[in-house]
């Protein structure tokens, strides 16, 4: 009897172990502190956490949460506000079948993300957008098509999203993503209540030394007179042994004056044009230096808000997934007749952890 009971317990434990879902966690942690040499101190942080639960090979669930205080990097967050509440971003359930993959719940889309360090959490085709609905994807190693429909996470209760995405892969090192969609008010006409976006993202590498990211975006903004905005992004990078160079060029064409830097269409974007180049050198796998040199144009029609930035940076990589940046900054207004009193300086530190 005792042997039989032991066998039953062992069998139950084995069955439970096989039946238990697999739980995985992922995260992105980014925190900084800096001073402006005028007696002001700032701290900013962002914490994105995700949990995936694989019930079977076909069924899984995903949960997301965010903590934000200030704006990373080098925002104006106050030290007393750095401990913020968690924000529940949502969850979804995904089912993989022979005819495609279905996701139901809280869906996120964001296209045209920057590699550029200062806008590394931003994008130039669409903002990070949330919708509660359903998504369908189907494809193969060459082409994948996706479509999502849902209720938009905005201040009103009458807006919805329809978003499509086509991904094309050309060999191992070339890919092209095509993205398009609308966010509209169900009570208004298309003209006065619906925004339309479209864009393309190219990523490619050529050998071990050259990689290129090139994006183009288009926004057609709702209103009594609809307005058009075009955005362009080019981000090549070169690496030769211990030496590297990164470049970003961004340009927004706004013929109808739709963009307002006080409340930009692309959230967080303080520039309608900027150029950045960073030559760098790696001493080893743990230490490196870089010298970002940048021109920021602000509002293109206002030449008096152009600035030159120099941001020498020391990089520390203690282990995989952990980065520590120590940086200084000098900002020079690009106007005539400036004096040393017009220059501004900053010194800061930023820690980034991914897992």
Protein backbone atom coordinates (compact mmCIF):
# COMPACT_ATOMS: atom_id res chain seq x y z
CA UNK A 1 0.00 0.00 0.00
CA UNK A 2 2.80 2.35 0.96
CA UNK A 3 4.63 1.58 -2.33
CA UNK A 4 1.45 2.11 -4.32
CA UNK A 5 0.84 5.46 -2.59
CA UNK A 6 4.42 6.55 -3.25
CA UNK A 7 4.07 5.67 -6.92
CA UNK A 8 0.87 7.69 -7.12
CA UNK A 9 2.58 10.71 -5.55
CA UNK A 10 5.54 10.48 -7.94
CA UNK A 11 3.15 10.24 -10.88
CA UNK A 12 1.19 13.24 -9.64
CA UNK A 13 4.37 15.32 -9.27
CA UNK A 14 5.49 14.37 -12.78
CA UNK A 15 2.11 15.25 -14.26
CA UNK A 16 2.05 18.57 -12.41
CA UNK A 17 5.55 19.44 -13.57
CA UNK A 18 4.65 18.74 -17.18
CA UNK A 19 1.36 20.63 -16.93
CA UNK A 20 2.72 23.74 -15.20
CA UNK A 21 3.01 26.77 -17.51
CA UNK A 22 6.44 28.21 -18.25
CA UNK A 23 6.83 31.73 -16.85
CA UNK A 24 9.44 34.16 -18.21
CA UNK A 25 10.24 37.74 -17.26
CA UNK A 26 11.81 40.52 -19.31
CA UNK A 27 12.65 44.08 -18.46
CA UNK A 28 14.17 47.40 -19.48
CA UNK A 29 15.47 49.69 -16.73
CA UNK A 30 16.86 53.14 -17.48
CA UNK A 31 17.76 55.70 -14.80
CA UNK A 32 19.85 58.85 -14.81
CA UNK A 33 20.97 61.77 -12.66
CA UNK A 34 22.44 65.01 -13.93
CA UNK A 35 23.22 68.61 -13.05
CA UNK A 36 23.28 71.79 -15.15
CA UNK A 37 25.99 73.77 -13.27
CA UNK A 38 23.36 76.34 -12.27
CA UNK A 39 22.54 74.64 -8.99
CA UNK A 40 19.83 72.36 -10.42
CA UNK A 41 19.75 68.57 -10.07
CA UNK A 42 17.49 66.20 -12.00
CA UNK A 43 16.67 62.49 -11.90
CA UNK A 44 14.67 60.50 -14.44
CA UNK A 45 13.83 56.85 -14.78
CA UNK A 46 11.86 54.38 -16.83
CA UNK A 47 11.10 50.79 -15.91
CA UNK A 48 9.34 48.48 -18.36
CA UNK A 49 8.52 44.99 -17.13
CA UNK A 50 7.00 42.12 -19.07
CA UNK A 51 5.88 38.64 -18.10
CA UNK A 52 5.17 35.82 -20.55
CA UNK A 53 3.32 32.66 -19.59
CA UNK A 54 3.51 29.76 -22.04
CA UNK A 55 0.64 27.40 -21.28
CA UNK A 56 1.31 25.20 -24.31
CA UNK A 57 3.29 25.51 -27.52
CA UNK A 58 0.26 27.24 -29.02
CA UNK A 59 -1.22 29.32 -26.19
CA UNK A 60 0.56 32.06 -24.23
CA UNK A 61 -0.25 35.21 -22.26
CA UNK A 62 1.72 38.43 -21.81
CA UNK A 63 1.49 41.11 -19.12
CA UNK A 64 3.13 44.56 -19.27
CA UNK A 65 3.72 47.30 -16.70
CA UNK A 66 5.62 50.60 -16.71
CA UNK A 67 7.07 53.07 -14.22
CA UNK A 68 8.07 56.52 -15.47
CA UNK A 69 9.38 59.59 -13.67
CA UNK A 70 10.67 62.46 -15.77
CA UNK A 71 11.90 61.81 -19.29
CA UNK A 72 14.84 59.55 -20.13
CA UNK A 73 17.48 60.67 -20.85
CA UNK A 74 18.32 64.06 -19.33
CA UNK A 75 14.76 65.16 -18.65
CA UNK A 76 13.72 67.59 -15.94
CA UNK A 77 12.44 65.06 -13.41
CA UNK A 78 12.77 66.18 -9.80
CA UNK A 79 14.61 63.94 -7.31
CA UNK A 80 11.59 63.83 -4.95
CA UNK A 81 9.41 62.44 -7.75
CA UNK A 82 11.63 59.58 -8.86
CA UNK A 83 9.53 56.98 -6.99
CA UNK A 84 6.42 56.69 -9.13
CA UNK A 85 3.48 54.31 -9.21
CA UNK A 86 3.32 51.33 -11.52
CA UNK A 87 1.17 51.79 -14.60
CA UNK A 88 -0.55 48.68 -15.90
CA UNK A 89 -0.08 48.68 -19.68
CA UNK A 90 -2.27 45.64 -20.24
CA UNK A 91 -2.14 41.99 -21.19
CA UNK A 92 -2.92 39.80 -24.15
CA UNK A 93 -3.46 36.15 -25.01
CA UNK A 94 -1.81 34.68 -28.11
CA UNK A 95 -2.84 31.56 -29.98
CA UNK A 96 -0.70 30.02 -32.73
CA UNK A 97 -2.56 27.91 -35.27
CA UNK A 98 -1.94 26.41 -38.69
CA UNK A 99 -3.70 29.34 -40.32
CA UNK A 100 -1.86 32.08 -38.43
CA UNK A 101 -1.33 33.71 -35.04
CA UNK A 102 -4.16 35.42 -33.15
CA UNK A 103 -3.62 37.88 -30.29
CA UNK A 104 -6.48 39.26 -28.19
CA UNK A 105 -6.21 41.95 -25.53
CA UNK A 106 -4.05 45.04 -25.10
CA UNK A 107 -1.92 45.56 -28.19
CA UNK A 108 0.97 47.99 -28.69
CA UNK A 109 2.32 49.36 -31.95
CA UNK A 110 5.23 51.72 -32.52
CA UNK A 111 7.01 52.11 -35.85
CA UNK A 112 10.13 53.99 -36.89
CA UNK A 113 12.10 53.80 -33.63
CA UNK A 114 15.38 55.70 -33.38
CA UNK A 115 18.80 54.22 -32.69
CA UNK A 116 19.92 57.72 -31.62
CA UNK A 117 20.54 57.71 -27.86
CA UNK A 118 18.52 60.81 -26.96
CA UNK A 119 15.37 59.56 -28.72
CA UNK A 120 15.96 55.85 -28.17
CA UNK A 121 12.44 55.31 -26.78
CA UNK A 122 10.71 57.43 -29.44
CA UNK A 123 9.67 56.81 -33.04
CA UNK A 124 9.08 58.85 -36.20
CA UNK A 125 6.35 56.94 -38.09
CA UNK A 126 3.93 56.55 -35.18
CA UNK A 127 4.03 57.24 -31.48
CA UNK A 128 3.91 54.34 -29.05
CA UNK A 129 0.18 53.59 -29.23
CA UNK A 130 -2.11 51.27 -27.29
CA UNK A 131 -5.30 49.61 -28.43
CA UNK A 132 -7.51 46.88 -26.95
CA UNK A 133 -8.62 44.50 -29.65
CA UNK A 134 -7.56 41.59 -31.84
CA UNK A 135 -4.53 41.03 -34.05
CA UNK A 136 -3.95 38.44 -36.76
CA UNK A 137 -0.58 37.54 -38.32
CA UNK A 138 0.38 35.02 -40.95
CA UNK A 139 3.47 34.51 -43.03
CA UNK A 140 6.68 32.66 -43.73
CA UNK A 141 10.41 33.33 -43.81
CA UNK A 142 9.99 35.85 -46.65
CA UNK A 143 6.78 37.78 -45.98
CA UNK A 144 4.54 38.25 -42.94
CA UNK A 145 1.25 40.14 -42.92
CA UNK A 146 -0.44 41.50 -39.81
CA UNK A 147 -3.70 43.30 -39.12
CA UNK A 148 -5.10 44.61 -35.83
CA UNK A 149 -8.43 46.21 -34.96
CA UNK A 150 -9.31 47.67 -31.57
CA UNK A 151 -10.42 50.45 -29.24
CA UNK A 152 -7.84 53.23 -28.98
CA UNK A 153 -6.38 54.16 -25.59
CA UNK A 154 -7.08 57.90 -25.84
CA UNK A 155 -8.93 60.50 -23.77
CA UNK A 156 -12.29 60.02 -25.50
CA UNK A 157 -14.43 56.88 -25.61
CA UNK A 158 -15.28 56.86 -29.30
CA UNK A 159 -11.94 56.24 -31.07
CA UNK A 160 -10.63 53.06 -32.66
CA UNK A 161 -7.58 51.74 -34.51
CA UNK A 162 -7.13 49.74 -37.68
CA UNK A 163 -3.45 48.98 -38.25
CA UNK A 164 -1.68 46.86 -40.84
CA UNK A 165 1.93 45.74 -41.16
CA UNK A 166 3.82 43.89 -43.89
CA UNK A 167 7.31 42.51 -43.18
CA UNK A 168 9.63 41.44 -45.99
CA UNK A 169 12.94 39.63 -45.50
CA UNK A 170 15.63 39.52 -48.17
CA UNK A 171 18.24 36.96 -47.16
CA UNK A 172 19.78 37.03 -43.70
CA UNK A 173 20.73 40.70 -43.49
CA UNK A 174 18.07 42.76 -45.28
CA UNK A 175 14.51 43.51 -44.19
CA UNK A 176 11.74 45.96 -45.03
CA UNK A 177 8.69 46.75 -42.93
CA UNK A 178 5.64 48.53 -44.34
CA UNK A 179 3.20 50.01 -41.82
CA UNK A 180 -0.12 51.77 -42.29
CA UNK A 181 -3.25 52.50 -40.32
CA UNK A 182 -5.91 54.87 -39.08
CA UNK A 183 -7.05 56.12 -35.68
CA UNK A 184 -10.49 57.62 -35.93
CA UNK A 185 -13.47 58.99 -34.01
CA UNK A 186 -16.55 56.89 -34.70
CA UNK A 187 -18.88 59.91 -34.33
CA UNK A 188 -17.11 62.16 -36.82
CA UNK A 189 -16.44 62.02 -40.53
CA UNK A 190 -13.15 60.69 -41.84
CA UNK A 191 -12.06 64.22 -42.74
CA UNK A 192 -12.59 65.74 -39.31
CA UNK A 193 -12.11 62.75 -37.04
CA UNK A 194 -9.48 60.36 -38.41
CA UNK A 195 -5.67 60.43 -38.58
CA UNK A 196 -3.91 58.26 -41.17
CA UNK A 197 -0.30 57.10 -41.05
CA UNK A 198 1.97 55.13 -43.36
CA UNK A 199 5.65 54.38 -43.33
CA UNK A 200 8.50 52.07 -44.22
CA UNK A 201 11.49 50.80 -42.22
CA UNK A 202 14.59 49.35 -43.87
CA UNK A 203 17.29 47.51 -41.93
CA UNK A 204 20.35 46.07 -43.61
CA UNK A 205 23.92 45.08 -42.93
CA UNK A 206 26.76 44.68 -45.39
CA UNK A 207 29.46 42.42 -44.08
CA UNK A 208 30.57 42.88 -40.49
CA UNK A 209 31.41 46.57 -40.77
CA UNK A 210 28.44 48.46 -42.22
CA UNK A 211 24.78 48.62 -41.21
CA UNK A 212 22.02 50.97 -42.35
CA UNK A 213 18.61 51.88 -40.99
CA UNK A 214 16.44 54.09 -43.21
CA UNK A 215 12.84 55.06 -42.45
CA UNK A 216 10.22 57.25 -44.04
CA UNK A 217 6.92 58.27 -42.46
CA UNK A 218 3.74 60.06 -43.50
CA UNK A 219 0.98 61.54 -41.35
CA UNK A 220 -2.32 62.86 -42.66
CA UNK A 221 -3.84 64.82 -39.77
CA UNK A 222 -7.57 65.25 -39.18
CA UNK A 223 -9.25 68.63 -39.30
CA UNK A 224 -11.50 70.91 -41.29
CA UNK A 225 -8.47 71.29 -43.54
CA UNK A 226 -6.46 68.07 -43.44
CA UNK A 227 -2.72 68.54 -43.12
CA UNK A 228 0.26 66.45 -44.24
CA UNK A 229 3.56 65.75 -42.49
CA UNK A 230 6.51 63.79 -43.92
CA UNK A 231 9.44 62.50 -41.86
CA UNK A 232 12.75 60.96 -42.94
CA UNK A 233 15.36 59.11 -40.91
CA UNK A 234 18.78 57.75 -41.91
CA UNK A 235 21.01 55.90 -39.43
CA UNK A 236 24.14 54.24 -40.83
CA UNK A 237 26.91 52.87 -38.61
CA UNK A 238 30.46 51.75 -39.30
CA UNK A 239 32.80 49.60 -37.22
CA UNK A 240 36.41 48.68 -37.92
CA UNK A 241 38.10 46.82 -35.12
CA UNK A 242 38.04 49.01 -32.02
CA UNK A 243 36.83 52.08 -33.93
CA UNK A 244 33.20 52.87 -34.70
CA UNK A 245 31.08 55.69 -36.07
CA UNK A 246 27.33 56.16 -35.67
CA UNK A 247 25.25 58.72 -37.56
CA UNK A 248 21.64 59.90 -37.42
CA UNK A 249 19.97 62.36 -39.74
CA UNK A 250 16.32 63.30 -39.20
CA UNK A 251 14.18 65.71 -41.17
CA UNK A 252 10.49 66.59 -40.88
CA UNK A 253 8.76 68.21 -43.84
CA UNK A 254 5.73 70.13 -42.56
CA UNK A 255 4.26 72.07 -45.50
CA UNK A 256 0.91 72.68 -43.80
CA UNK A 257 2.34 73.77 -40.40
CA UNK A 258 0.66 70.86 -38.61
CA UNK A 259 3.45 70.31 -36.08
CA UNK A 260 3.71 72.34 -32.88
CA UNK A 261 6.84 71.80 -30.77
CA UNK A 262 4.90 72.66 -27.61
CA UNK A 263 2.71 69.61 -28.34
CA UNK A 264 4.49 67.74 -31.15
CA UNK A 265 2.71 65.22 -33.35
CA UNK A 266 5.59 62.83 -32.67
CA UNK A 267 5.51 62.78 -28.87
CA UNK A 268 8.75 63.90 -27.23
CA UNK A 269 10.35 65.15 -30.46
CA UNK A 270 11.84 68.58 -29.78
CA UNK A 271 13.41 68.85 -33.25
CA UNK A 272 12.11 69.06 -36.79
CA UNK A 273 15.64 68.42 -38.01
CA UNK A 274 18.83 67.22 -36.38
CA UNK A 275 22.13 65.59 -37.28
CA UNK A 276 24.26 63.48 -34.99
CA UNK A 277 27.62 61.78 -35.50
CA UNK A 278 29.55 59.87 -32.84
CA UNK A 279 33.06 58.56 -33.43
CA UNK A 280 33.92 56.00 -30.79
CA UNK A 281 36.69 53.74 -29.55
CA UNK A 282 36.45 50.53 -27.49
CA UNK A 283 39.41 49.80 -25.25
CA UNK A 284 38.10 46.29 -24.58
CA UNK A 285 34.78 44.53 -24.00
CA UNK A 286 34.16 46.57 -20.86
CA UNK A 287 35.24 50.16 -21.57
CA UNK A 288 34.69 52.60 -24.42
CA UNK A 289 34.50 56.31 -25.24
CA UNK A 290 32.50 58.34 -27.72
CA UNK A 291 32.14 61.95 -28.80
CA UNK A 292 28.62 62.78 -30.01
CA UNK A 293 28.59 65.96 -32.10
CA UNK A 294 25.12 67.23 -32.92
CA UNK A 295 23.13 70.00 -34.59
CA UNK A 296 19.52 70.46 -33.44
CA UNK A 297 17.27 72.69 -35.52
CA UNK A 298 14.13 72.86 -33.38
CA UNK A 299 11.44 74.56 -35.46
CA UNK A 300 12.74 74.73 -39.03
CA UNK A 301 11.12 78.10 -39.69
CA UNK A 302 12.88 79.61 -36.66
CA UNK A 303 16.65 79.72 -37.19
CA UNK A 304 17.23 81.34 -33.81
CA UNK A 305 16.54 78.10 -31.92
CA UNK A 306 19.32 76.08 -33.59
CA UNK A 307 21.94 74.62 -31.26
CA UNK A 308 25.22 72.71 -31.46
CA UNK A 309 25.81 69.95 -28.91
CA UNK A 310 29.04 68.25 -27.88
CA UNK A 311 28.48 65.29 -25.52
CA UNK A 312 31.69 63.40 -24.62
CA UNK A 313 30.68 60.04 -23.12
CA UNK A 314 32.47 57.29 -21.25
CA UNK A 315 30.86 53.83 -21.56
CA UNK A 316 31.18 51.00 -19.04
CA UNK A 317 29.84 47.48 -19.80
CA UNK A 318 30.24 45.38 -16.62
CA UNK A 319 28.48 42.38 -18.18
CA UNK A 320 25.98 41.53 -20.87
CA UNK A 321 22.76 43.50 -20.48
CA UNK A 322 24.25 46.21 -18.23
CA UNK A 323 25.51 49.64 -19.36
CA UNK A 324 26.73 52.68 -17.46
CA UNK A 325 27.15 55.96 -19.33
CA UNK A 326 29.01 58.95 -17.85
CA UNK A 327 28.65 62.08 -19.95
CA UNK A 328 29.27 65.78 -20.13
CA UNK A 329 27.51 68.23 -22.42
CA UNK A 330 28.11 71.66 -23.91
CA UNK A 331 25.30 73.44 -25.79
CA UNK A 332 26.17 76.35 -28.09
CA UNK A 333 23.35 78.47 -29.59
CA UNK A 334 23.91 78.89 -33.33
CA UNK A 335 23.25 82.62 -33.51
CA UNK A 336 25.47 85.63 -34.07
CA UNK A 337 27.01 87.57 -31.26
CA UNK A 338 26.95 84.87 -28.60
CA UNK A 339 29.17 85.14 -25.54
CA UNK A 340 30.36 82.60 -23.01
CA UNK A 341 27.29 83.45 -20.93
CA UNK A 342 25.11 81.98 -23.69
CA UNK A 343 26.76 78.56 -23.40
CA UNK A 344 25.28 75.89 -21.17
CA UNK A 345 26.88 72.84 -19.59
CA UNK A 346 25.72 69.61 -18.00
CA UNK A 347 27.19 66.52 -16.38
CA UNK A 348 25.36 63.26 -15.86
CA UNK A 349 25.27 59.51 -15.41
CA UNK A 350 22.87 56.93 -16.85
CA UNK A 351 22.42 53.23 -16.09
CA UNK A 352 20.64 50.88 -18.51
CA UNK A 353 19.74 47.27 -17.67
CA UNK A 354 17.99 44.84 -20.02
CA UNK A 355 17.01 41.26 -19.33
